[in-house]
């Protein structure tokens, strides 16, 4: 019998860039989809990474 992956591990993977897979997985496998706290944490990771990407791109784009 296979062990289940803990929520902490799933969220760690989300923070490492796996949030698109987490959102797809909640729909396809119907796992953790009803856990509102988990979904909010995944969306927070996605928003944080998008903001970080935007900030990085703005800092790289320096008009001459």
PDB file of N, CA and C in Angstrom:
ATOM      1  N   UNK A   1       0.849  -1.178   0.000  1.00  0.00           N
ATOM      2  CA  UNK A   1       0.000   0.000   0.000  1.00  0.00           C
ATOM      3  C   UNK A   1       0.894   1.240   0.000  1.00  0.00           C
ATOM      4  N   UNK A   2       0.536   2.203  -0.827  1.00  0.00           N
ATOM      5  CA  UNK A   2       1.337   3.413  -0.942  1.00  0.00           C
ATOM      6  C   UNK A   2       0.954   4.417   0.132  1.00  0.00           C
ATOM      7  N   UNK A   3       1.971   5.115   0.610  1.00  0.00           N
ATOM      8  CA  UNK A   3       1.724   6.145   1.618  1.00  0.00           C
ATOM      9  C   UNK A   3       1.206   7.408   0.935  1.00  0.00           C
ATOM     10  N   UNK A   4       0.432   8.165   1.661  1.00  0.00           N
ATOM     11  CA  UNK A   4      -0.078   9.421   1.134  1.00  0.00           C
ATOM     12  C   UNK A   4       0.958  10.516   1.331  1.00  0.00           C
ATOM     13  N   UNK A   5       0.908  11.499   0.466  1.00  0.00           N
ATOM     14  CA  UNK A   5       1.821  12.640   0.564  1.00  0.00           C
ATOM     15  C   UNK A   5       1.184  13.651   1.501  1.00  0.00           C
ATOM     16  N   UNK A   6       1.971  14.171   2.423  1.00  0.00           N
ATOM     17  CA  UNK A   6       1.427  15.119   3.395  1.00  0.00           C
ATOM     18  C   UNK A   6       1.137  16.460   2.733  1.00  0.00           C
ATOM     19  N   UNK A   7       0.248  17.205   3.357  1.00  0.00           N
ATOM     20  CA  UNK A   7      -0.104  18.529   2.850  1.00  0.00           C
ATOM     21  C   UNK A   7       1.110  19.448   2.876  1.00  0.00           C
ATOM     22  N   UNK A   8       1.942  19.288   3.875  1.00  0.00           N
ATOM     23  CA  UNK A   8       3.159  20.108   3.971  1.00  0.00           C
ATOM     24  C   UNK A   8       4.062  19.879   2.764  1.00  0.00           C
ATOM     25  N   UNK A   9       4.204  18.617   2.341  1.00  0.00           N
ATOM     26  CA  UNK A   9       5.029  18.306   1.177  1.00  0.00           C
ATOM     27  C   UNK A   9       4.420  18.877  -0.090  1.00  0.00           C
ATOM     28  N   UNK A  10       3.112  18.752  -0.235  1.00  0.00           N
ATOM     29  CA  UNK A  10       2.440  19.311  -1.407  1.00  0.00           C
ATOM     30  C   UNK A  10       2.620  20.822  -1.483  1.00  0.00           C
ATOM     31  N   UNK A  11       2.492  21.499  -0.354  1.00  0.00           N
ATOM     32  CA  UNK A  11       2.663  22.950  -0.349  1.00  0.00           C
ATOM     33  C   UNK A  11       4.114  23.344  -0.617  1.00  0.00           C
ATOM     34  N   UNK A  12       5.056  22.560  -0.132  1.00  0.00           N
ATOM     35  CA  UNK A  12       6.466  22.838  -0.418  1.00  0.00           C
ATOM     36  C   UNK A  12       6.727  22.733  -1.918  1.00  0.00           C
ATOM     37  N   UNK A  13       6.134  21.745  -2.553  1.00  0.00           N
ATOM     38  CA  UNK A  13       6.279  21.611  -4.001  1.00  0.00           C
ATOM     39  C   UNK A  13       5.614  22.764  -4.740  1.00  0.00           C
ATOM     40  N   UNK A  14       4.517  23.272  -4.199  1.00  0.00           N
ATOM     41  CA  UNK A  14       3.862  24.444  -4.795  1.00  0.00           C
ATOM     42  C   UNK A  14       4.787  25.647  -4.757  1.00  0.00           C
ATOM     43  N   UNK A  15       5.459  25.839  -3.638  1.00  0.00           N
ATOM     44  CA  UNK A  15       6.375  26.969  -3.497  1.00  0.00           C
ATOM     45  C   UNK A  15       7.598  26.822  -4.383  1.00  0.00           C
ATOM     46  N   UNK A  16       7.921  25.608  -4.786  1.00  0.00           N
ATOM     47  CA  UNK A  16       9.054  25.375  -5.680  1.00  0.00           C
ATOM     48  C   UNK A  16       8.641  25.466  -7.148  1.00  0.00           C
ATOM     49  N   UNK A  17       7.430  25.930  -7.405  1.00  0.00           N
ATOM     50  CA  UNK A  17       6.979  26.134  -8.775  1.00  0.00           C
ATOM     51  C   UNK A  17       5.961  25.129  -9.259  1.00  0.00           C
ATOM     52  N   UNK A  18       5.512  24.253  -8.403  1.00  0.00           N
ATOM     53  CA  UNK A  18       4.567  23.224  -8.822  1.00  0.00           C
ATOM     54  C   UNK A  18       3.108  23.584  -8.639  1.00  0.00           C
ATOM     55  N   UNK A  19       2.817  24.868  -8.420  1.00  0.00           N
ATOM     56  CA  UNK A  19       1.423  25.251  -8.183  1.00  0.00           C
ATOM     57  C   UNK A  19       0.500  24.985  -9.372  1.00  0.00           C
ATOM     58  N   UNK A  20       0.959  25.104 -10.649  1.00  0.00           N
ATOM     59  CA  UNK A  20       0.026  24.755 -11.734  1.00  0.00           C
ATOM     60  C   UNK A  20      -0.391  23.284 -11.669  1.00  0.00           C
ATOM     61  N   UNK A  21       0.582  22.427 -11.369  1.00  0.00           N
ATOM     62  CA  UNK A  21       0.275  20.997 -11.244  1.00  0.00           C
ATOM     63  C   UNK A  21      -0.647  20.724 -10.065  1.00  0.00           C
ATOM     64  N   UNK A  22      -0.467  21.463  -8.988  1.00  0.00           N
ATOM     65  CA  UNK A  22      -1.334  21.279  -7.820  1.00  0.00           C
ATOM     66  C   UNK A  22      -2.775  21.648  -8.158  1.00  0.00           C
ATOM     67  N   UNK A  23      -2.954  22.744  -8.882  1.00  0.00           N
ATOM     68  CA  UNK A  23      -4.309  23.149  -9.249  1.00  0.00           C
ATOM     69  C   UNK A  23      -4.953  22.159 -10.211  1.00  0.00           C
ATOM     70  N   UNK A  24      -4.165  21.659 -11.147  1.00  0.00           N
ATOM     71  CA  UNK A  24      -4.686  20.650 -12.073  1.00  0.00           C
ATOM     72  C   UNK A  24      -4.990  19.353 -11.319  1.00  0.00           C
ATOM     73  N   UNK A  25      -4.099  18.981 -10.416  1.00  0.00           N
ATOM     74  CA  UNK A  25      -4.280  17.749  -9.654  1.00  0.00           C
ATOM     75  C   UNK A  25      -5.523  17.765  -8.777  1.00  0.00           C
ATOM     76  N   UNK A  26      -5.857  18.938  -8.223  1.00  0.00           N
ATOM     77  CA  UNK A  26      -7.065  19.010  -7.403  1.00  0.00           C
ATOM     78  C   UNK A  26      -8.314  18.766  -8.240  1.00  0.00           C
ATOM     79  N   UNK A  27      -8.254  19.115  -9.523  1.00  0.00           N
ATOM     80  CA  UNK A  27      -9.399  18.891 -10.400  1.00  0.00           C
ATOM     81  C   UNK A  27      -9.428  17.460 -10.948  1.00  0.00           C
ATOM     82  N   UNK A  28      -8.280  16.999 -11.427  1.00  0.00           N
ATOM     83  CA  UNK A  28      -8.222  15.685 -12.078  1.00  0.00           C
ATOM     84  C   UNK A  28      -8.412  14.554 -11.070  1.00  0.00           C
ATOM     85  N   UNK A  29      -7.680  14.623  -9.958  1.00  0.00           N
ATOM     86  CA  UNK A  29      -7.708  13.540  -8.989  1.00  0.00           C
ATOM     87  C   UNK A  29      -8.694  13.780  -7.852  1.00  0.00           C
ATOM     88  N   UNK A  30      -9.313  14.944  -7.841  1.00  0.00           N
ATOM     89  CA  UNK A  30     -10.273  15.325  -6.787  1.00  0.00           C
ATOM     90  C   UNK A  30      -9.677  15.119  -5.400  1.00  0.00           C
ATOM     91  N   UNK A  31      -8.429  15.555  -5.280  1.00  0.00           N
ATOM     92  CA  UNK A  31      -7.717  15.426  -4.015  1.00  0.00           C
ATOM     93  C   UNK A  31      -7.418  16.826  -3.488  1.00  0.00           C
ATOM     94  N   UNK A  32      -7.816  17.103  -2.291  1.00  0.00           N
ATOM     95  CA  UNK A  32      -7.607  18.380  -1.611  1.00  0.00           C
ATOM     96  C   UNK A  32      -8.406  19.521  -2.245  1.00  0.00           C
ATOM     97  N   UNK A  33      -9.285  19.209  -3.178  1.00  0.00           N
ATOM     98  CA  UNK A  33     -10.074  20.253  -3.839  1.00  0.00           C
ATOM     99  C   UNK A  33     -11.106  20.891  -2.929  1.00  0.00           C
ATOM    100  N   UNK A  34     -11.573  20.162  -1.948  1.00  0.00           N
ATOM    101  CA  UNK A  34     -12.579  20.708  -1.041  1.00  0.00           C
ATOM    102  C   UNK A  34     -11.946  21.383   0.171  1.00  0.00           C
ATOM    103  N   UNK A  35     -10.638  21.267   0.313  1.00  0.00           N
ATOM    104  CA  UNK A  35      -9.926  21.892   1.431  1.00  0.00           C
ATOM    105  C   UNK A  35      -9.630  23.343   1.062  1.00  0.00           C
ATOM    106  N   UNK A  36     -10.495  24.248   1.520  1.00  0.00           N
ATOM    107  CA  UNK A  36     -10.367  25.659   1.149  1.00  0.00           C
ATOM    108  C   UNK A  36      -9.052  26.257   1.630  1.00  0.00           C
ATOM    109  N   UNK A  37      -8.586  25.882   2.794  1.00  0.00           N
ATOM    110  CA  UNK A  37      -7.329  26.427   3.309  1.00  0.00           C
ATOM    111  C   UNK A  37      -6.168  26.026   2.405  1.00  0.00           C
ATOM    112  N   UNK A  38      -6.161  24.780   1.930  1.00  0.00           N
ATOM    113  CA  UNK A  38      -5.103  24.327   1.038  1.00  0.00           C
ATOM    114  C   UNK A  38      -5.140  25.094  -0.277  1.00  0.00           C
ATOM    115  N   UNK A  39      -6.320  25.241  -0.848  1.00  0.00           N
ATOM    116  CA  UNK A  39      -6.468  25.941  -2.125  1.00  0.00           C
ATOM    117  C   UNK A  39      -6.019  27.393  -1.990  1.00  0.00           C
ATOM    118  N   UNK A  40      -6.367  28.043  -0.886  1.00  0.00           N
ATOM    119  CA  UNK A  40      -5.951  29.433  -0.664  1.00  0.00           C
ATOM    120  C   UNK A  40      -4.429  29.534  -0.572  1.00  0.00           C
ATOM    121  N   UNK A  41      -3.788  28.562   0.051  1.00  0.00           N
ATOM    122  CA  UNK A  41      -2.327  28.570   0.158  1.00  0.00           C
ATOM    123  C   UNK A  41      -1.673  28.363  -1.205  1.00  0.00           C
ATOM    124  N   UNK A  42      -2.277  27.519  -2.038  1.00  0.00           N
ATOM    125  CA  UNK A  42      -1.742  27.299  -3.383  1.00  0.00           C
ATOM    126  C   UNK A  42      -1.866  28.575  -4.204  1.00  0.00           C
ATOM    127  N   UNK A  43      -3.029  29.227  -4.138  1.00  0.00           N
ATOM    128  CA  UNK A  43      -3.214  30.479  -4.875  1.00  0.00           C
ATOM    129  C   UNK A  43      -2.287  31.572  -4.364  1.00  0.00           C
ATOM    130  N   UNK A  44      -2.007  31.586  -3.067  1.00  0.00           N
ATOM    131  CA  UNK A  44      -1.084  32.560  -2.512  1.00  0.00           C
ATOM    132  C   UNK A  44       0.319  32.332  -3.068  1.00  0.00           C
ATOM    133  N   UNK A  45       0.732  31.078  -3.149  1.00  0.00           N
ATOM    134  CA  UNK A  45       2.045  30.753  -3.721  1.00  0.00           C
ATOM    135  C   UNK A  45       2.110  31.192  -5.175  1.00  0.00           C
ATOM    136  N   UNK A  46       1.029  30.982  -5.918  1.00  0.00           N
ATOM    137  CA  UNK A  46       0.994  31.382  -7.328  1.00  0.00           C
ATOM    138  C   UNK A  46       1.085  32.903  -7.467  1.00  0.00           C
ATOM    139  N   UNK A  47       0.319  33.636  -6.652  1.00  0.00           N
ATOM    140  CA  UNK A  47       0.366  35.102  -6.714  1.00  0.00           C
ATOM    141  C   UNK A  47       1.733  35.629  -6.313  1.00  0.00           C
ATOM    142  N   UNK A  48       2.332  35.034  -5.296  1.00  0.00           N
ATOM    143  CA  UNK A  48       3.649  35.470  -4.843  1.00  0.00           C
ATOM    144  C   UNK A  48       4.689  35.259  -5.941  1.00  0.00           C
ATOM    145  N   UNK A  49       4.655  34.101  -6.586  1.00  0.00           N
ATOM    146  CA  UNK A  49       5.625  33.822  -7.631  1.00  0.00           C
ATOM    147  C   UNK A  49       5.402  34.707  -8.854  1.00  0.00           C
ATOM    148  N   UNK A  50       4.151  35.015  -9.165  1.00  0.00           N
ATOM    149  CA  UNK A  50       3.868  35.928 -10.275  1.00  0.00           C
ATOM    150  C   UNK A  50       4.378  37.332  -9.957  1.00  0.00           C
ATOM    151  N   UNK A  51       4.184  37.780  -8.723  1.00  0.00           N
ATOM    152  CA  UNK A  51       4.682  39.095  -8.324  1.00  0.00           C
ATOM    153  C   UNK A  51       6.206  39.127  -8.351  1.00  0.00           C
ATOM    154  N   UNK A  52       6.830  38.057  -7.917  1.00  0.00           N
ATOM    155  CA  UNK A  52       8.287  37.966  -7.936  1.00  0.00           C
ATOM    156  C   UNK A  52       8.814  38.006  -9.376  1.00  0.00           C
ATOM    157  N   UNK A  53       8.144  37.324 -10.268  1.00  0.00           N
ATOM    158  CA  UNK A  53       8.529  37.336 -11.676  1.00  0.00           C
ATOM    159  C   UNK A  53       8.386  38.741 -12.262  1.00  0.00           C
ATOM    160  N   UNK A  54       7.274  39.407 -11.976  1.00  0.00           N
ATOM    161  CA  UNK A  54       7.060  40.777 -12.467  1.00  0.00           C
ATOM    162  C   UNK A  54       8.118  41.728 -11.925  1.00  0.00           C
ATOM    163  N   UNK A  55       8.431  41.627 -10.651  1.00  0.00           N
ATOM    164  CA  UNK A  55       9.444  42.489 -10.052  1.00  0.00           C
ATOM    165  C   UNK A  55      10.814  42.233 -10.681  1.00  0.00           C
ATOM    166  N   UNK A  56      11.127  40.970 -10.926  1.00  0.00           N
ATOM    167  CA  UNK A  56      12.405  40.632 -11.555  1.00  0.00           C
ATOM    168  C   UNK A  56      12.484  41.199 -12.960  1.00  0.00           C
ATOM    169  N   UNK A  57      11.410  41.068 -13.719  1.00  0.00           N
ATOM    170  CA  UNK A  57      11.403  41.591 -15.081  1.00  0.00           C
ATOM    171  C   UNK A  57      11.490  43.110 -15.098  1.00  0.00           C
ATOM    172  N   UNK A  58      10.833  43.763 -14.166  1.00  0.00           N
ATOM    173  CA  UNK A  58      10.911  45.226 -14.103  1.00  0.00           C
ATOM    174  C   UNK A  58      12.310  45.693 -13.732  1.00  0.00           C
ATOM    175  N   UNK A  59      12.971  44.973 -12.846  1.00  0.00           N
ATOM    176  CA  UNK A  59      14.335  45.353 -12.467  1.00  0.00           C
ATOM    177  C   UNK A  59      15.322  45.094 -13.604  1.00  0.00           C
ATOM    178  N   UNK A  60      15.056  44.073 -14.393  1.00  0.00           N
ATOM    179  CA  UNK A  60      15.940  43.775 -15.504  1.00  0.00           C
ATOM    180  C   UNK A  60      15.758  44.768 -16.649  1.00  0.00           C
ATOM    181  N   UNK A  61      14.557  45.291 -16.793  1.00  0.00           N
ATOM    182  CA  UNK A  61      14.251  46.203 -17.887  1.00  0.00           C
ATOM    183  C   UNK A  61      14.611  47.621 -17.447  1.00  0.00           C
ATOM    184  N   UNK A  62      15.788  48.045 -17.826  1.00  0.00           N
ATOM    185  CA  UNK A  62      16.255  49.373 -17.486  1.00  0.00           C
ATOM    186  C   UNK A  62      16.354  50.199 -18.763  1.00  0.00           C
ATOM    187  N   UNK A  63      15.509  51.207 -18.917  1.00  0.00           N
ATOM    188  CA  UNK A  63      15.616  52.042 -20.121  1.00  0.00           C
ATOM    189  C   UNK A  63      16.941  52.814 -20.122  1.00  0.00           C
ATOM    190  N   UNK A  64      17.520  52.916 -21.288  1.00  0.00           N
ATOM    191  CA  UNK A  64      18.821  53.578 -21.413  1.00  0.00           C
ATOM    192  C   UNK A  64      18.650  55.035 -21.755  1.00  0.00           C
TER     193      UNK A  64
END
